[in-house]
């Protein structure tokens, strides 16, 4: 069964494909199908709100099941910021370098023991019959003092789990512990196998 992913983020596509393809789902982009979905405005107040907005919009436009996620970094010393708007933290969506610089600047002088954080992820799959399946996942860690690693995007080079950043891990290692990987594992438990 084909599921359209409501993003053109190749990292998310690869991650979701690795986990869902053994269940019989082929995760494709709208472009793979020769169509172009409208980018839904992510104006929800929670990660699940935003995932649902994108999945429902993509499903209605395409007539096919659509999967979407929203995820972000929540830093305890910043009262949960960047939170639901983490991808737009610096003011420009997709500006990983700007987001990372801003985060490091705001944590300047904050000691390691107070740099605790977690990544959170919500996933929604909307089906043409109006039903949906949702799942959430978390990954606990802390914010490092400098970027480490190149196998990641967003805040991955700053987010430390133990003594390694997510960007220092292989794709498989990251799938096993990441917020999206944990949400997808929960989704596997409730998504029908095709």
Protein backbone atom coordinates (compact mmCIF):
# COMPACT_ATOMS: atom_id res chain seq x y z
CA UNK A 1 0.00 0.00 0.00
CA UNK A 2 1.32 3.44 -0.90
CA UNK A 3 1.33 6.15 1.76
CA UNK A 4 2.19 9.70 0.75
CA UNK A 5 4.53 11.48 3.12
CA UNK A 6 3.53 15.08 3.69
CA UNK A 7 7.04 16.47 3.43
CA UNK A 8 9.89 16.68 0.97
CA UNK A 9 12.42 16.09 3.73
CA UNK A 10 14.52 13.21 2.41
CA UNK A 11 15.77 12.31 5.91
CA UNK A 12 12.22 11.76 7.19
CA UNK A 13 11.31 9.84 4.04
CA UNK A 14 14.26 7.48 4.50
CA UNK A 15 13.61 7.01 8.21
CA UNK A 16 9.90 6.28 7.77
CA UNK A 17 10.57 4.00 4.79
CA UNK A 18 13.11 1.91 6.72
CA UNK A 19 10.64 1.29 9.51
CA UNK A 20 7.33 0.96 7.58
CA UNK A 21 8.40 -0.95 4.46
CA UNK A 22 8.69 -4.30 6.31
CA UNK A 23 4.97 -3.87 7.17
CA UNK A 24 4.04 -3.65 3.48
CA UNK A 25 3.84 0.14 3.20
CA UNK A 26 5.61 2.01 0.43
CA UNK A 27 6.24 5.55 1.61
CA UNK A 28 6.32 7.87 -1.40
CA UNK A 29 6.34 11.60 -2.02
CA UNK A 30 3.69 13.44 -3.97
CA UNK A 31 6.30 14.07 -6.65
CA UNK A 32 6.88 10.30 -6.97
CA UNK A 33 3.22 10.09 -7.99
CA UNK A 34 3.38 13.07 -10.35
CA UNK A 35 1.24 15.35 -8.18
CA UNK A 36 2.01 18.31 -5.96
CA UNK A 37 0.39 18.70 -2.57
CA UNK A 38 -0.23 22.11 -1.07
CA UNK A 39 1.98 22.82 1.94
CA UNK A 40 -0.45 22.92 4.86
CA UNK A 41 0.15 25.71 7.35
CA UNK A 42 1.51 24.27 10.59
CA UNK A 43 -0.41 26.51 12.97
CA UNK A 44 -1.22 23.96 15.68
CA UNK A 45 -0.27 24.39 19.30
CA UNK A 46 1.11 20.86 19.68
CA UNK A 47 3.19 18.47 17.60
CA UNK A 48 0.12 16.25 17.14
CA UNK A 49 -1.97 19.22 15.94
CA UNK A 50 0.59 19.95 13.23
CA UNK A 51 0.98 16.30 12.20
CA UNK A 52 -2.79 15.96 11.91
CA UNK A 53 -3.14 19.18 9.87
CA UNK A 54 -0.55 17.98 7.34
CA UNK A 55 -1.81 14.38 7.12
CA UNK A 56 -5.47 15.35 6.71
CA UNK A 57 -4.64 17.94 4.06
CA UNK A 58 -2.46 15.53 2.06
CA UNK A 59 -5.06 12.76 2.26
CA UNK A 60 -7.90 15.03 1.10
CA UNK A 61 -5.87 16.37 -1.82
CA UNK A 62 -4.51 13.02 -3.01
CA UNK A 63 -7.26 10.59 -2.08
CA UNK A 64 -4.54 8.31 -0.66
CA UNK A 65 -3.40 7.56 2.88
CA UNK A 66 -1.03 10.28 4.04
CA UNK A 67 1.54 10.20 6.83
CA UNK A 68 2.91 13.30 8.50
CA UNK A 69 4.88 14.06 11.59
CA UNK A 70 5.84 17.08 13.56
CA UNK A 71 8.69 17.01 15.95
CA UNK A 72 10.97 19.29 17.80
CA UNK A 73 13.40 19.92 20.55
CA UNK A 74 12.26 20.93 24.03
CA UNK A 75 15.00 22.35 26.27
CA UNK A 76 14.28 22.39 30.00
CA UNK A 77 16.42 25.48 30.75
CA UNK A 78 14.40 27.40 28.13
CA UNK A 79 11.01 26.34 29.53
CA UNK A 80 10.48 23.89 26.67
CA UNK A 81 11.60 26.18 23.84
CA UNK A 82 12.11 25.90 20.93
CA UNK A 83 9.19 23.47 21.31
CA UNK A 84 6.51 23.16 18.67
CA UNK A 85 8.11 25.81 16.49
CA UNK A 86 11.64 24.39 16.66
CA UNK A 87 12.07 24.21 12.88
CA UNK A 88 11.35 27.93 12.72
CA UNK A 89 13.22 28.92 15.88
CA UNK A 90 15.63 31.30 14.18
CA UNK A 91 12.77 32.89 12.24
CA UNK A 92 13.50 31.04 9.01
CA UNK A 93 12.08 27.55 8.40
CA UNK A 94 14.86 25.11 7.57
CA UNK A 95 17.70 27.35 8.78
CA UNK A 96 19.53 24.63 10.74
CA UNK A 97 22.66 26.73 11.18
CA UNK A 98 20.67 29.73 12.43
CA UNK A 99 18.62 27.55 14.79
CA UNK A 100 21.75 25.90 16.22
CA UNK A 101 23.54 29.23 16.72
CA UNK A 102 20.53 30.75 18.45
CA UNK A 103 20.15 27.75 20.76
CA UNK A 104 23.83 27.79 21.74
CA UNK A 105 23.64 31.53 22.34
CA UNK A 106 20.60 31.17 24.60
CA UNK A 107 22.33 28.41 26.57
CA UNK A 108 25.60 30.32 26.94
CA UNK A 109 26.74 29.93 30.55
CA UNK A 110 24.18 27.22 31.37
CA UNK A 111 26.04 24.30 33.00
CA UNK A 112 25.79 20.76 31.59
CA UNK A 113 23.51 19.48 34.35
CA UNK A 114 20.92 22.13 33.43
CA UNK A 115 21.08 21.55 29.64
CA UNK A 116 18.66 18.62 29.75
CA UNK A 117 16.31 18.33 26.81
CA UNK A 118 14.19 15.92 24.84
CA UNK A 119 13.11 15.50 21.28
CA UNK A 120 9.38 14.83 20.88
CA UNK A 121 7.57 13.51 17.82
CA UNK A 122 3.92 13.00 16.88
CA UNK A 123 2.89 11.04 13.79
CA UNK A 124 -0.52 10.94 12.14
CA UNK A 125 -1.70 8.71 9.29
CA UNK A 126 -4.96 9.87 7.70
CA UNK A 127 -6.96 7.47 5.56
CA UNK A 128 -9.45 8.33 2.78
CA UNK A 129 -12.35 6.92 4.84
CA UNK A 130 -11.76 9.65 7.46
CA UNK A 131 -10.05 7.41 10.01
CA UNK A 132 -6.64 8.14 11.43
CA UNK A 133 -3.91 6.52 13.48
CA UNK A 134 -1.57 8.53 15.72
CA UNK A 135 1.53 7.79 17.75
CA UNK A 136 4.08 9.74 19.76
CA UNK A 137 7.69 9.21 20.80
CA UNK A 138 10.44 10.85 22.84
CA UNK A 139 14.20 10.78 23.11
CA UNK A 140 15.87 12.15 26.27
CA UNK A 141 19.27 13.81 26.26
CA UNK A 142 21.01 17.13 26.71
CA UNK A 143 22.41 19.97 24.61
CA UNK A 144 26.14 19.92 23.97
CA UNK A 145 28.41 22.94 23.65
CA UNK A 146 29.34 22.50 20.00
CA UNK A 147 28.16 20.63 16.94
CA UNK A 148 29.40 17.04 16.63
CA UNK A 149 28.91 14.67 13.72
CA UNK A 150 27.58 14.94 10.19
CA UNK A 151 24.99 12.14 9.93
CA UNK A 152 22.03 14.24 10.93
CA UNK A 153 20.10 17.43 10.40
CA UNK A 154 18.40 20.09 12.49
CA UNK A 155 19.54 19.95 16.10
CA UNK A 156 21.03 16.44 15.74
CA UNK A 157 24.66 17.69 15.97
CA UNK A 158 23.91 19.42 19.32
CA UNK A 159 21.60 16.84 20.91
CA UNK A 160 23.62 14.43 23.02
CA UNK A 161 22.52 10.98 24.15
CA UNK A 162 25.21 9.73 26.47
CA UNK A 163 28.55 10.85 25.06
CA UNK A 164 27.44 11.02 21.38
CA UNK A 165 25.28 13.37 19.39
CA UNK A 166 22.47 12.00 17.22
CA UNK A 167 24.54 13.19 14.22
CA UNK A 168 27.40 10.89 15.26
CA UNK A 169 25.17 7.81 15.11
CA UNK A 170 24.46 5.58 12.13
CA UNK A 171 20.95 5.66 10.71
CA UNK A 172 20.17 2.34 12.37
CA UNK A 173 21.48 3.47 15.77
CA UNK A 174 19.43 6.64 15.53
CA UNK A 175 16.27 4.74 14.45
CA UNK A 176 16.61 2.62 17.59
CA UNK A 177 16.50 5.57 20.03
CA UNK A 178 15.26 8.69 18.24
CA UNK A 179 11.96 10.41 18.93
CA UNK A 180 10.73 9.62 15.40
CA UNK A 181 12.00 6.06 15.61
CA UNK A 182 10.18 5.59 18.94
CA UNK A 183 6.98 7.10 17.52
CA UNK A 184 7.21 4.86 14.47
CA UNK A 185 7.65 1.81 16.73
CA UNK A 186 4.44 2.78 18.50
CA UNK A 187 2.77 3.31 15.12
CA UNK A 188 3.83 -0.21 14.06
CA UNK A 189 1.81 -1.63 16.98
CA UNK A 190 -1.45 -0.04 15.82
CA UNK A 191 -1.10 0.42 12.06
CA UNK A 192 -2.74 -2.42 10.11
CA UNK A 193 -0.22 -4.69 8.37
CA UNK A 194 -0.86 -4.89 4.61
